[in-house]
Amino acid sequence: MAWPTPEGAFPSALLAVNILGSALIGVLVPAVTDRAAHPLLRPFLGTGLLGGFTTFSVHAVDIERLIAEGRAMVGLGYAAANLVGALFTVWAASVLTRRVLKRSRRACGAGGRSAS
């Protein structure tokens, strides 16, 4: 609602939200699974909160609308951009988060050893 797609335009706002949500999932999964967190935290935040934030259900409607308007190539491009963008972003965010967490653990461990 805050970033409407003009009639006949490429649904870039929804693409951006889906990619941002995927990045947040990429941060969430290693942050929660690499720590002793409650077992329901990951599905609550991932499926519940971020599942509601992303708009993959609207994504399917947009593809159907684009195809019905005779813009099948735009619809297929949009589908591919969502898929590739989301997969790449969740992977990249996950890799970066794990690196940050590993450095953080090393820094905490090194600080603890030098103090003794």
N, C-alpha and C. Protein backbone atom coordinates (compact mmCIF):
# COMPACT_ATOMS: atom_id res chain seq x y z
N MET A 1 0.82 -1.19 0.00
CA MET A 1 0.00 0.00 0.00
C MET A 1 0.87 1.26 0.00
N ALA A 2 2.00 1.20 0.69
CA ALA A 2 2.86 2.38 0.79
C ALA A 2 3.65 2.62 -0.49
N TRP A 3 3.84 1.60 -1.30
CA TRP A 3 4.64 1.71 -2.52
C TRP A 3 3.88 1.04 -3.64
N PRO A 4 2.78 1.65 -4.09
CA PRO A 4 1.92 0.99 -5.10
C PRO A 4 2.60 0.89 -6.46
N THR A 5 2.25 -0.17 -7.16
CA THR A 5 2.75 -0.37 -8.51
C THR A 5 1.79 0.28 -9.49
N PRO A 6 2.26 1.22 -10.30
CA PRO A 6 1.36 1.84 -11.28
C PRO A 6 0.82 0.81 -12.27
N GLU A 7 -0.35 1.05 -12.78
CA GLU A 7 -0.99 0.16 -13.75
C GLU A 7 -0.05 -0.10 -14.93
N GLY A 8 0.16 -1.36 -15.23
CA GLY A 8 0.99 -1.74 -16.37
C GLY A 8 2.48 -1.74 -16.10
N ALA A 9 2.89 -1.40 -14.87
CA ALA A 9 4.32 -1.35 -14.55
C ALA A 9 4.80 -2.67 -13.98
N PHE A 10 6.09 -2.85 -13.98
CA PHE A 10 6.72 -4.02 -13.38
C PHE A 10 6.55 -3.93 -11.86
N PRO A 11 6.13 -4.99 -11.19
CA PRO A 11 5.88 -4.94 -9.74
C PRO A 11 7.17 -4.93 -8.92
N SER A 12 7.94 -3.87 -9.04
CA SER A 12 9.24 -3.80 -8.38
C SER A 12 9.14 -3.68 -6.87
N ALA A 13 8.09 -3.08 -6.36
CA ALA A 13 7.95 -2.95 -4.90
C ALA A 13 7.83 -4.32 -4.26
N LEU A 14 7.02 -5.18 -4.84
CA LEU A 14 6.86 -6.52 -4.28
C LEU A 14 8.13 -7.34 -4.41
N LEU A 15 8.83 -7.14 -5.50
CA LEU A 15 10.11 -7.82 -5.68
C LEU A 15 11.08 -7.38 -4.59
N ALA A 16 11.13 -6.08 -4.31
CA ALA A 16 12.03 -5.56 -3.27
C ALA A 16 11.67 -6.11 -1.89
N VAL A 17 10.39 -6.17 -1.58
CA VAL A 17 9.96 -6.70 -0.28
C VAL A 17 10.32 -8.18 -0.15
N ASN A 18 10.11 -8.95 -1.20
CA ASN A 18 10.45 -10.37 -1.15
C ASN A 18 11.95 -10.59 -0.98
N ILE A 19 12.75 -9.79 -1.64
CA ILE A 19 14.20 -9.93 -1.53
C ILE A 19 14.67 -9.48 -0.14
N LEU A 20 14.10 -8.40 0.38
CA LEU A 20 14.43 -7.97 1.74
C LEU A 20 14.04 -9.03 2.76
N GLY A 21 12.84 -9.60 2.61
CA GLY A 21 12.41 -10.67 3.51
C GLY A 21 13.32 -11.88 3.43
N SER A 22 13.79 -12.20 2.25
CA SER A 22 14.72 -13.32 2.09
C SER A 22 16.05 -13.03 2.79
N ALA A 23 16.51 -11.79 2.69
CA ALA A 23 17.74 -11.41 3.39
C ALA A 23 17.56 -11.55 4.90
N LEU A 24 16.41 -11.12 5.40
CA LEU A 24 16.15 -11.24 6.83
C LEU A 24 16.08 -12.70 7.27
N ILE A 25 15.53 -13.57 6.43
CA ILE A 25 15.51 -15.00 6.72
C ILE A 25 16.94 -15.54 6.73
N GLY A 26 17.76 -15.07 5.80
CA GLY A 26 19.16 -15.48 5.76
C GLY A 26 19.94 -15.07 6.99
N VAL A 27 19.55 -13.98 7.62
CA VAL A 27 20.17 -13.56 8.88
C VAL A 27 19.59 -14.36 10.04
N LEU A 28 18.28 -14.54 10.01
CA LEU A 28 17.59 -15.20 11.11
C LEU A 28 18.02 -16.65 11.33
N VAL A 29 18.07 -17.42 10.27
CA VAL A 29 18.32 -18.86 10.42
C VAL A 29 19.65 -19.15 11.12
N PRO A 30 20.77 -18.61 10.65
CA PRO A 30 22.01 -18.92 11.38
C PRO A 30 22.04 -18.28 12.77
N ALA A 31 21.45 -17.12 12.92
CA ALA A 31 21.45 -16.45 14.22
C ALA A 31 20.69 -17.27 15.26
N VAL A 32 19.62 -17.92 14.84
CA VAL A 32 18.82 -18.71 15.77
C VAL A 32 19.36 -20.13 15.90
N THR A 33 19.73 -20.76 14.80
CA THR A 33 20.16 -22.16 14.87
C THR A 33 21.56 -22.32 15.45
N ASP A 34 22.40 -21.30 15.34
CA ASP A 34 23.75 -21.38 15.89
C ASP A 34 23.78 -21.06 17.38
N ARG A 35 22.67 -20.72 17.95
CA ARG A 35 22.57 -20.40 19.37
C ARG A 35 21.58 -21.35 20.04
N ALA A 36 21.65 -21.42 21.32
CA ALA A 36 20.70 -22.26 22.07
C ALA A 36 19.41 -21.47 22.26
N ALA A 37 18.58 -21.47 21.23
CA ALA A 37 17.32 -20.73 21.27
C ALA A 37 16.16 -21.70 21.42
N HIS A 38 15.04 -21.17 21.82
CA HIS A 38 13.84 -22.00 21.95
C HIS A 38 13.53 -22.62 20.59
N PRO A 39 13.14 -23.91 20.53
CA PRO A 39 12.92 -24.58 19.25
C PRO A 39 11.79 -23.98 18.40
N LEU A 40 10.89 -23.25 19.02
CA LEU A 40 9.79 -22.64 18.26
C LEU A 40 10.12 -21.23 17.77
N LEU A 41 11.27 -20.68 18.17
CA LEU A 41 11.62 -19.33 17.76
C LEU A 41 11.82 -19.22 16.25
N ARG A 42 12.52 -20.18 15.68
CA ARG A 42 12.78 -20.15 14.23
C ARG A 42 11.49 -20.21 13.40
N PRO A 43 10.57 -21.16 13.64
CA PRO A 43 9.34 -21.15 12.84
C PRO A 43 8.46 -19.94 13.14
N PHE A 44 8.48 -19.47 14.39
CA PHE A 44 7.68 -18.28 14.71
C PHE A 44 8.16 -17.07 13.93
N LEU A 45 9.46 -16.82 13.97
CA LEU A 45 10.01 -15.65 13.28
C LEU A 45 10.08 -15.86 11.78
N GLY A 46 10.55 -17.04 11.36
CA GLY A 46 10.73 -17.29 9.93
C GLY A 46 9.43 -17.44 9.18
N THR A 47 8.64 -18.41 9.58
CA THR A 47 7.38 -18.66 8.87
C THR A 47 6.32 -17.65 9.25
N GLY A 48 6.22 -17.36 10.53
CA GLY A 48 5.18 -16.45 11.01
C GLY A 48 5.43 -15.00 10.64
N LEU A 49 6.43 -14.42 11.24
CA LEU A 49 6.69 -12.99 11.05
C LEU A 49 7.17 -12.66 9.64
N LEU A 50 8.23 -13.31 9.20
CA LEU A 50 8.79 -13.00 7.88
C LEU A 50 7.95 -13.57 6.76
N GLY A 51 7.23 -14.66 7.03
CA GLY A 51 6.29 -15.18 6.04
C GLY A 51 5.16 -14.19 5.78
N GLY A 52 4.75 -13.50 6.83
CA GLY A 52 3.74 -12.45 6.68
C GLY A 52 4.30 -11.19 6.04
N PHE A 53 5.57 -10.93 6.28
CA PHE A 53 6.21 -9.74 5.71
C PHE A 53 6.40 -9.87 4.20
N THR A 54 6.88 -11.02 3.77
CA THR A 54 7.08 -11.23 2.33
C THR A 54 5.73 -11.38 1.65
N THR A 55 5.74 -11.23 0.36
CA THR A 55 4.47 -11.20 -0.38
C THR A 55 4.47 -12.24 -1.49
N PHE A 56 4.90 -13.44 -1.17
CA PHE A 56 4.98 -14.46 -2.21
C PHE A 56 3.59 -14.87 -2.72
N SER A 57 2.55 -14.73 -1.89
CA SER A 57 1.20 -15.03 -2.37
C SER A 57 0.75 -13.98 -3.39
N VAL A 58 1.08 -12.73 -3.12
CA VAL A 58 0.74 -11.66 -4.08
C VAL A 58 1.59 -11.81 -5.33
N HIS A 59 2.79 -12.31 -5.15
CA HIS A 59 3.69 -12.57 -6.27
C HIS A 59 3.01 -13.48 -7.31
N ALA A 60 2.36 -14.53 -6.84
CA ALA A 60 1.66 -15.46 -7.74
C ALA A 60 0.52 -14.76 -8.46
N VAL A 61 -0.20 -13.91 -7.75
CA VAL A 61 -1.31 -13.16 -8.36
C VAL A 61 -0.77 -12.19 -9.42
N ASP A 62 0.35 -11.54 -9.12
CA ASP A 62 0.95 -10.62 -10.09
C ASP A 62 1.39 -11.34 -11.36
N ILE A 63 1.95 -12.53 -11.22
CA ILE A 63 2.36 -13.29 -12.40
C ILE A 63 1.13 -13.63 -13.24
N GLU A 64 0.09 -14.09 -12.58
CA GLU A 64 -1.16 -14.41 -13.29
C GLU A 64 -1.73 -13.18 -13.99
N ARG A 65 -1.69 -12.04 -13.31
CA ARG A 65 -2.20 -10.80 -13.90
C ARG A 65 -1.38 -10.38 -15.12
N LEU A 66 -0.07 -10.45 -15.00
CA LEU A 66 0.79 -10.07 -16.12
C LEU A 66 0.55 -10.98 -17.33
N ILE A 67 0.40 -12.26 -17.10
CA ILE A 67 0.14 -13.19 -18.20
C ILE A 67 -1.22 -12.91 -18.82
N ALA A 68 -2.24 -12.64 -17.98
CA ALA A 68 -3.59 -12.34 -18.48
C ALA A 68 -3.61 -11.05 -19.30
N GLU A 69 -2.72 -10.12 -18.97
CA GLU A 69 -2.62 -8.85 -19.72
C GLU A 69 -1.84 -9.02 -21.02
N GLY A 70 -1.38 -10.23 -21.29
CA GLY A 70 -0.61 -10.46 -22.52
C GLY A 70 0.86 -10.14 -22.37
N ARG A 71 1.33 -10.05 -21.16
CA ARG A 71 2.73 -9.73 -20.90
C ARG A 71 3.41 -10.93 -20.25
N ALA A 72 3.32 -12.05 -20.94
CA ALA A 72 3.84 -13.31 -20.41
C ALA A 72 5.34 -13.25 -20.14
N MET A 73 6.10 -12.61 -21.00
CA MET A 73 7.55 -12.54 -20.81
C MET A 73 7.89 -11.71 -19.57
N VAL A 74 7.14 -10.65 -19.33
CA VAL A 74 7.36 -9.84 -18.13
C VAL A 74 7.00 -10.67 -16.90
N GLY A 75 5.90 -11.42 -16.97
CA GLY A 75 5.50 -12.29 -15.86
C GLY A 75 6.53 -13.36 -15.57
N LEU A 76 7.06 -13.97 -16.61
CA LEU A 76 8.10 -14.99 -16.42
C LEU A 76 9.40 -14.37 -15.89
N GLY A 77 9.72 -13.19 -16.38
CA GLY A 77 10.90 -12.48 -15.87
C GLY A 77 10.75 -12.12 -14.40
N TYR A 78 9.55 -11.70 -14.04
CA TYR A 78 9.24 -11.36 -12.65
C TYR A 78 9.35 -12.61 -11.77
N ALA A 79 8.82 -13.72 -12.25
CA ALA A 79 8.91 -14.98 -11.50
C ALA A 79 10.37 -15.39 -11.32
N ALA A 80 11.15 -15.28 -12.38
CA ALA A 80 12.56 -15.66 -12.31
C ALA A 80 13.33 -14.71 -11.38
N ALA A 81 13.05 -13.41 -11.47
CA ALA A 81 13.73 -12.43 -10.62
C ALA A 81 13.43 -12.69 -9.15
N ASN A 82 12.18 -13.02 -8.84
CA ASN A 82 11.82 -13.35 -7.46
C ASN A 82 12.54 -14.60 -6.99
N LEU A 83 12.52 -15.64 -7.79
CA LEU A 83 13.15 -16.90 -7.41
C LEU A 83 14.66 -16.75 -7.25
N VAL A 84 15.31 -16.25 -8.27
CA VAL A 84 16.77 -16.12 -8.23
C VAL A 84 17.19 -15.09 -7.18
N GLY A 85 16.49 -13.96 -7.15
CA GLY A 85 16.81 -12.92 -6.17
C GLY A 85 16.65 -13.41 -4.74
N ALA A 86 15.55 -14.10 -4.46
CA ALA A 86 15.30 -14.58 -3.11
C ALA A 86 16.31 -15.65 -2.71
N LEU A 87 16.57 -16.61 -3.58
CA LEU A 87 17.53 -17.67 -3.26
C LEU A 87 18.94 -17.12 -3.06
N PHE A 88 19.36 -16.24 -3.95
CA PHE A 88 20.70 -15.66 -3.81
C PHE A 88 20.81 -14.84 -2.54
N THR A 89 19.78 -14.04 -2.26
CA THR A 89 19.83 -13.15 -1.11
C THR A 89 19.82 -13.93 0.20
N VAL A 90 19.00 -14.97 0.30
CA VAL A 90 18.98 -15.75 1.54
C VAL A 90 20.33 -16.47 1.71
N TRP A 91 20.91 -16.95 0.64
CA TRP A 91 22.22 -17.60 0.72
C TRP A 91 23.29 -16.59 1.15
N ALA A 92 23.34 -15.43 0.49
CA ALA A 92 24.38 -14.43 0.79
C ALA A 92 24.24 -13.91 2.22
N ALA A 93 23.03 -13.62 2.64
CA ALA A 93 22.83 -13.13 4.00
C ALA A 93 23.21 -14.19 5.03
N SER A 94 22.93 -15.44 4.73
CA SER A 94 23.27 -16.54 5.63
C SER A 94 24.79 -16.69 5.75
N VAL A 95 25.49 -16.64 4.63
CA VAL A 95 26.95 -16.75 4.64
C VAL A 95 27.57 -15.58 5.42
N LEU A 96 27.10 -14.38 5.16
CA LEU A 96 27.64 -13.20 5.85
C LEU A 96 27.33 -13.25 7.35
N THR A 97 26.14 -13.67 7.70
CA THR A 97 25.78 -13.77 9.12
C THR A 97 26.65 -14.79 9.84
N ARG A 98 26.87 -15.93 9.20
CA ARG A 98 27.73 -16.95 9.84
C ARG A 98 29.16 -16.43 10.02
N ARG A 99 29.66 -15.67 9.06
CA ARG A 99 31.01 -15.09 9.20
C ARG A 99 31.06 -14.11 10.36
N VAL A 100 30.05 -13.26 10.46
CA VAL A 100 30.00 -12.29 11.56
C VAL A 100 29.91 -13.00 12.90
N LEU A 101 29.07 -14.03 12.98
CA LEU A 101 28.93 -14.77 14.23
C LEU A 101 30.23 -15.48 14.61
N LYS A 102 30.93 -16.03 13.61
CA LYS A 102 32.20 -16.71 13.86
C LYS A 102 33.25 -15.72 14.38
N ARG A 103 33.32 -14.54 13.77
CA ARG A 103 34.27 -13.51 14.23
C ARG A 103 33.91 -13.05 15.63
N SER A 104 32.63 -12.90 15.88
CA SER A 104 32.17 -12.47 17.20
C SER A 104 32.57 -13.48 18.27
N ARG A 105 32.40 -14.77 17.96
CA ARG A 105 32.78 -15.83 18.92
C ARG A 105 34.28 -15.82 19.15
N ARG A 106 35.06 -15.63 18.08
CA ARG A 106 36.52 -15.59 18.24
C ARG A 106 36.95 -14.40 19.07
N ALA A 107 36.32 -13.25 18.85
CA ALA A 107 36.67 -12.06 19.59
C ALA A 107 36.32 -12.22 21.07
N CYS A 108 35.20 -12.83 21.36
CA CYS A 108 34.80 -13.08 22.75
C CYS A 108 35.74 -14.09 23.39
N GLY A 109 36.11 -15.12 22.66
CA GLY A 109 37.01 -16.14 23.17
C GLY A 109 38.41 -15.58 23.42
N ALA A 110 38.90 -14.76 22.49
CA ALA A 110 40.24 -14.19 22.63
C ALA A 110 40.27 -13.22 23.80
N GLY A 111 39.23 -12.46 23.98
CA GLY A 111 39.17 -11.52 25.09
C GLY A 111 39.15 -12.25 26.42
N GLY A 112 38.43 -13.38 26.46
CA GLY A 112 38.34 -14.16 27.70
C GLY A 112 39.67 -14.79 28.07
N ARG A 113 40.44 -15.27 27.06
CA ARG A 113 41.73 -15.91 27.34
C ARG A 113 42.78 -14.91 27.79
N SER A 114 42.79 -13.72 27.19
CA SER A 114 43.82 -12.75 27.55
C SER A 114 43.58 -12.17 28.93
N ALA A 115 42.35 -12.19 29.41
CA ALA A 115 42.04 -11.63 30.71
C ALA A 115 42.48 -12.57 31.85
N SER A 116 42.70 -13.87 31.54
CA SER A 116 43.05 -14.79 32.62
C SER A 116 44.51 -14.90 32.83
